[in-house]
Amino acid sequence: MRELAPRYYPSGSPVSPISRFGGQPFIIGAAALMAIVVGIGAIAAWRAYTGTSPELDRVVVTRQLQARATQASEQLVEKTKGIEATQQESIDQLQVVQDQLQTVRRLLAAQQADTKRLSEQVTTLTESIDGLRQSFASARADDPAPSVRKSSRKKVYRSAQRKRSSKG
C-alpha cells in the first residue's frame, strides 16, 4: 500500500504502522462499546426521568385515532339508520296521501257525474216547463171565454152564500 503522507519512520525500521497499533484495537473497540452503552443508558435514564416515551406516545395516539374513527363510524351508522327511518316514514306518508288523493278523485268523479245527471234533469224540466207554458199560452189564446168562467164561479159562490143564509 502506498501512503499519501509520509510518516517519519526510518526506512528499514522493524515498526510498521500496522504493528504500532497492535494492542490498541482492543482498547478502541472497548471504548466504543462503552460509549454506546453509556449513550443508551443516558437515553433510558432521560426517558425514565421525564416519564415520556415517543413509542408509547405513538401507540396512545394511534389508539386514540382508532377510537375516534370507530366513534365516527358508529355515529355515521346511527345517522344512516335515522335517515332510513325518516325516509321510510316519508314513503308511508306519501302512500297515505296518494290513497287519499285517489279517494278524492273518485268522489270528485262521482260528484261530477251527479252534477251532470242533475243538470240534464234540470234541462229536461226546463224544457217541459217551457212546453207547458207554450201550451198554456196557446190554450189561453184559443179559449175566448175566460171571463165566463169567472162569472160562473161568482154565480156558484153567490148561490152557495144564499143557501147558507136562508138555512140559518
Protein backbone atom coordinates (compact mmCIF):
# COMPACT_ATOMS: atom_id res chain seq x y z
CA MET A 1 0.00 0.00 0.00
CA ARG A 2 1.22 3.41 -0.79
CA GLU A 3 0.92 6.14 1.75
CA LEU A 4 -0.07 9.58 0.72
CA ALA A 5 1.51 11.42 3.56
CA PRO A 6 5.00 10.35 4.57
CA ARG A 7 5.42 9.05 8.04
CA TYR A 8 8.60 9.61 9.78
CA TYR A 9 9.64 6.04 10.16
CA PRO A 10 13.14 5.27 9.35
CA SER A 11 13.38 3.02 6.41
CA GLY A 12 14.16 -0.49 7.28
CA SER A 13 12.68 0.04 10.72
CA PRO A 14 11.04 -3.08 12.19
CA VAL A 15 7.99 -1.00 13.34
CA SER A 16 5.33 -0.72 10.69
CA PRO A 17 2.19 1.40 11.05
CA ILE A 18 0.06 -1.69 11.48
CA SER A 19 2.22 -3.21 14.14
CA ARG A 20 2.34 0.05 16.04
CA PHE A 21 -1.41 -0.29 16.92
CA GLY A 22 -1.09 -3.99 17.69
CA GLY A 23 -2.55 -3.91 21.25
CA GLN A 24 -4.71 -0.80 20.84
CA PRO A 25 -7.55 -2.06 18.58
CA PHE A 26 -8.99 -3.90 21.55
CA ILE A 27 -8.95 -0.72 23.64
CA ILE A 28 -10.60 1.28 20.84
CA GLY A 29 -13.35 -1.34 20.46
CA ALA A 30 -13.92 -1.45 24.21
CA ALA A 31 -14.08 2.36 24.39
CA ALA A 32 -16.59 2.48 21.51
CA LEU A 33 -18.69 -0.19 23.19
CA MET A 34 -18.60 1.73 26.47
CA ALA A 35 -19.67 4.94 24.67
CA ILE A 36 -22.60 3.13 23.07
CA VAL A 37 -23.67 1.58 26.39
CA VAL A 38 -23.36 4.93 28.20
CA GLY A 39 -25.42 6.62 25.43
CA ILE A 40 -28.17 4.02 25.60
CA GLY A 41 -28.17 4.26 29.40
CA ALA A 42 -28.40 8.05 29.21
CA ILE A 43 -31.35 7.86 26.80
CA ALA A 44 -33.10 5.30 29.02
CA ALA A 45 -32.47 7.42 32.12
CA TRP A 46 -33.77 10.55 30.36
CA ARG A 47 -36.96 8.76 29.25
CA ALA A 48 -37.49 7.30 32.71
CA TYR A 49 -36.92 10.71 34.33
CA THR A 50 -39.28 12.63 32.00
CA GLY A 51 -41.86 9.80 32.01
CA THR A 52 -42.47 10.02 28.29
CA SER A 53 -41.63 7.64 25.57
CA PRO A 54 -42.15 8.51 21.93
CA GLU A 55 -43.10 4.92 21.16
CA LEU A 56 -45.74 4.89 23.89
CA ASP A 57 -46.97 8.28 22.75
CA ARG A 58 -47.30 6.96 19.23
CA VAL A 59 -49.20 3.91 20.46
CA VAL A 60 -51.52 6.11 22.55
CA VAL A 61 -52.10 8.49 19.64
CA THR A 62 -52.79 5.55 17.32
CA ARG A 63 -55.30 4.08 19.77
CA GLN A 64 -56.99 7.46 20.16
CA LEU A 65 -57.24 7.81 16.39
CA GLN A 66 -58.70 4.31 16.15
CA ALA A 67 -61.22 5.13 18.90
CA ARG A 68 -62.22 8.36 17.13
CA ALA A 69 -62.57 6.54 13.82
CA THR A 70 -64.70 3.86 15.48
CA GLN A 71 -66.85 6.50 17.17
CA ALA A 72 -67.26 8.40 13.90
CA SER A 73 -68.23 5.17 12.14
CA GLU A 74 -70.82 4.39 14.82
CA GLN A 75 -72.24 7.91 14.53
CA LEU A 76 -72.45 7.52 10.76
CA VAL A 77 -74.25 4.20 11.17
CA GLU A 78 -76.73 5.77 13.64
CA LYS A 79 -77.33 8.74 11.37
CA THR A 80 -77.79 6.44 8.39
CA LYS A 81 -80.34 4.39 10.32
CA GLY A 82 -82.12 7.60 11.32
CA ILE A 83 -82.21 8.76 7.71
CA GLU A 84 -83.53 5.36 6.62
CA ALA A 85 -86.30 5.52 9.25
CA THR A 86 -87.20 9.07 8.22
CA GLN A 87 -87.21 8.06 4.57
CA GLN A 88 -89.50 5.09 5.30
CA GLU A 89 -91.87 7.34 7.26
CA SER A 90 -91.91 9.78 4.34
CA ILE A 91 -92.67 6.96 1.93
CA ASP A 92 -95.51 5.73 4.16
CA GLN A 93 -96.93 9.24 4.44
CA LEU A 94 -96.68 9.68 0.68
CA GLN A 95 -98.58 6.44 0.13
CA VAL A 96 -101.31 7.60 2.54
CA VAL A 97 -101.54 10.92 0.68
CA GLN A 98 -101.73 9.09 -2.65
CA ASP A 99 -104.54 6.89 -1.33
CA GLN A 100 -106.39 9.95 -0.09
CA LEU A 101 -105.88 11.63 -3.45
CA GLN A 102 -107.32 8.58 -5.23
CA THR A 103 -110.34 8.68 -2.91
CA VAL A 104 -110.83 12.39 -3.56
CA ARG A 105 -110.57 11.80 -7.30
CA ARG A 106 -113.19 9.04 -7.14
CA LEU A 107 -115.50 11.24 -5.07
CA LEU A 108 -114.96 14.15 -7.46
CA ALA A 109 -115.76 11.95 -10.45
CA ALA A 110 -118.94 10.69 -8.74
CA GLN A 111 -119.90 14.25 -7.84
CA GLN A 112 -119.30 15.41 -11.41
CA ALA A 113 -121.46 12.54 -12.70
CA ASP A 114 -124.23 13.52 -10.25
CA THR A 115 -123.91 17.16 -11.29
CA LYS A 116 -124.15 16.19 -14.96
CA ARG A 117 -127.19 13.98 -14.29
CA LEU A 118 -128.91 16.74 -12.28
CA SER A 119 -128.05 19.28 -14.97
CA GLU A 120 -129.66 17.04 -17.59
CA GLN A 121 -132.72 16.65 -15.36
CA VAL A 122 -132.93 20.43 -14.88
CA THR A 123 -132.65 20.87 -18.65
CA THR A 124 -135.42 18.33 -19.17
CA LEU A 125 -137.63 20.02 -16.57
CA THR A 126 -136.92 23.43 -18.08
CA GLU A 127 -137.91 22.11 -21.50
CA SER A 128 -141.09 20.58 -20.01
CA ILE A 129 -141.97 23.83 -18.26
CA ASP A 130 -141.38 25.78 -21.47
CA GLY A 131 -143.59 23.28 -23.30
CA LEU A 132 -146.32 23.68 -20.66
CA ARG A 133 -146.07 27.48 -20.82
CA GLN A 134 -146.37 27.39 -24.58
CA SER A 135 -149.35 25.04 -24.43
CA PHE A 136 -150.96 27.14 -21.70
CA ALA A 137 -150.36 30.30 -23.72
CA SER A 138 -151.80 28.70 -26.82
CA ALA A 139 -154.77 27.40 -24.77
CA ARG A 140 -155.48 30.92 -23.44
CA ALA A 141 -155.23 32.33 -26.91
CA ASP A 142 -157.67 29.67 -28.20
CA ASP A 143 -160.07 29.96 -25.21
CA PRO A 144 -162.31 33.07 -25.76
CA ALA A 145 -164.33 32.82 -22.54
CA PRO A 146 -162.09 33.04 -19.53
CA SER A 147 -164.41 35.78 -18.17
CA VAL A 148 -167.37 33.41 -18.45
CA ARG A 149 -165.66 31.06 -16.14
CA LYS A 150 -165.06 33.82 -13.63
CA SER A 151 -168.71 34.86 -13.77
CA SER A 152 -169.87 31.29 -13.43
CA ARG A 153 -167.64 30.92 -10.38
CA LYS A 154 -169.10 34.07 -8.93
CA LYS A 155 -172.60 32.77 -9.52
CA VAL A 156 -171.76 29.46 -7.82
CA TYR A 157 -170.22 31.34 -4.90
CA ARG A 158 -173.26 33.66 -4.57
CA SER A 159 -175.72 30.82 -4.74
CA ALA A 160 -173.81 28.96 -2.04
CA GLN A 161 -173.92 32.00 0.19
CA ARG A 162 -177.64 32.41 -0.34
CA LYS A 163 -178.29 28.81 0.62
CA ARG A 164 -176.33 29.27 3.81
CA SER A 165 -178.07 32.46 4.75
CA SER A 166 -181.52 31.07 4.03
CA LYS A 167 -180.82 27.99 6.20
CA GLY A 168 -179.56 29.93 9.06
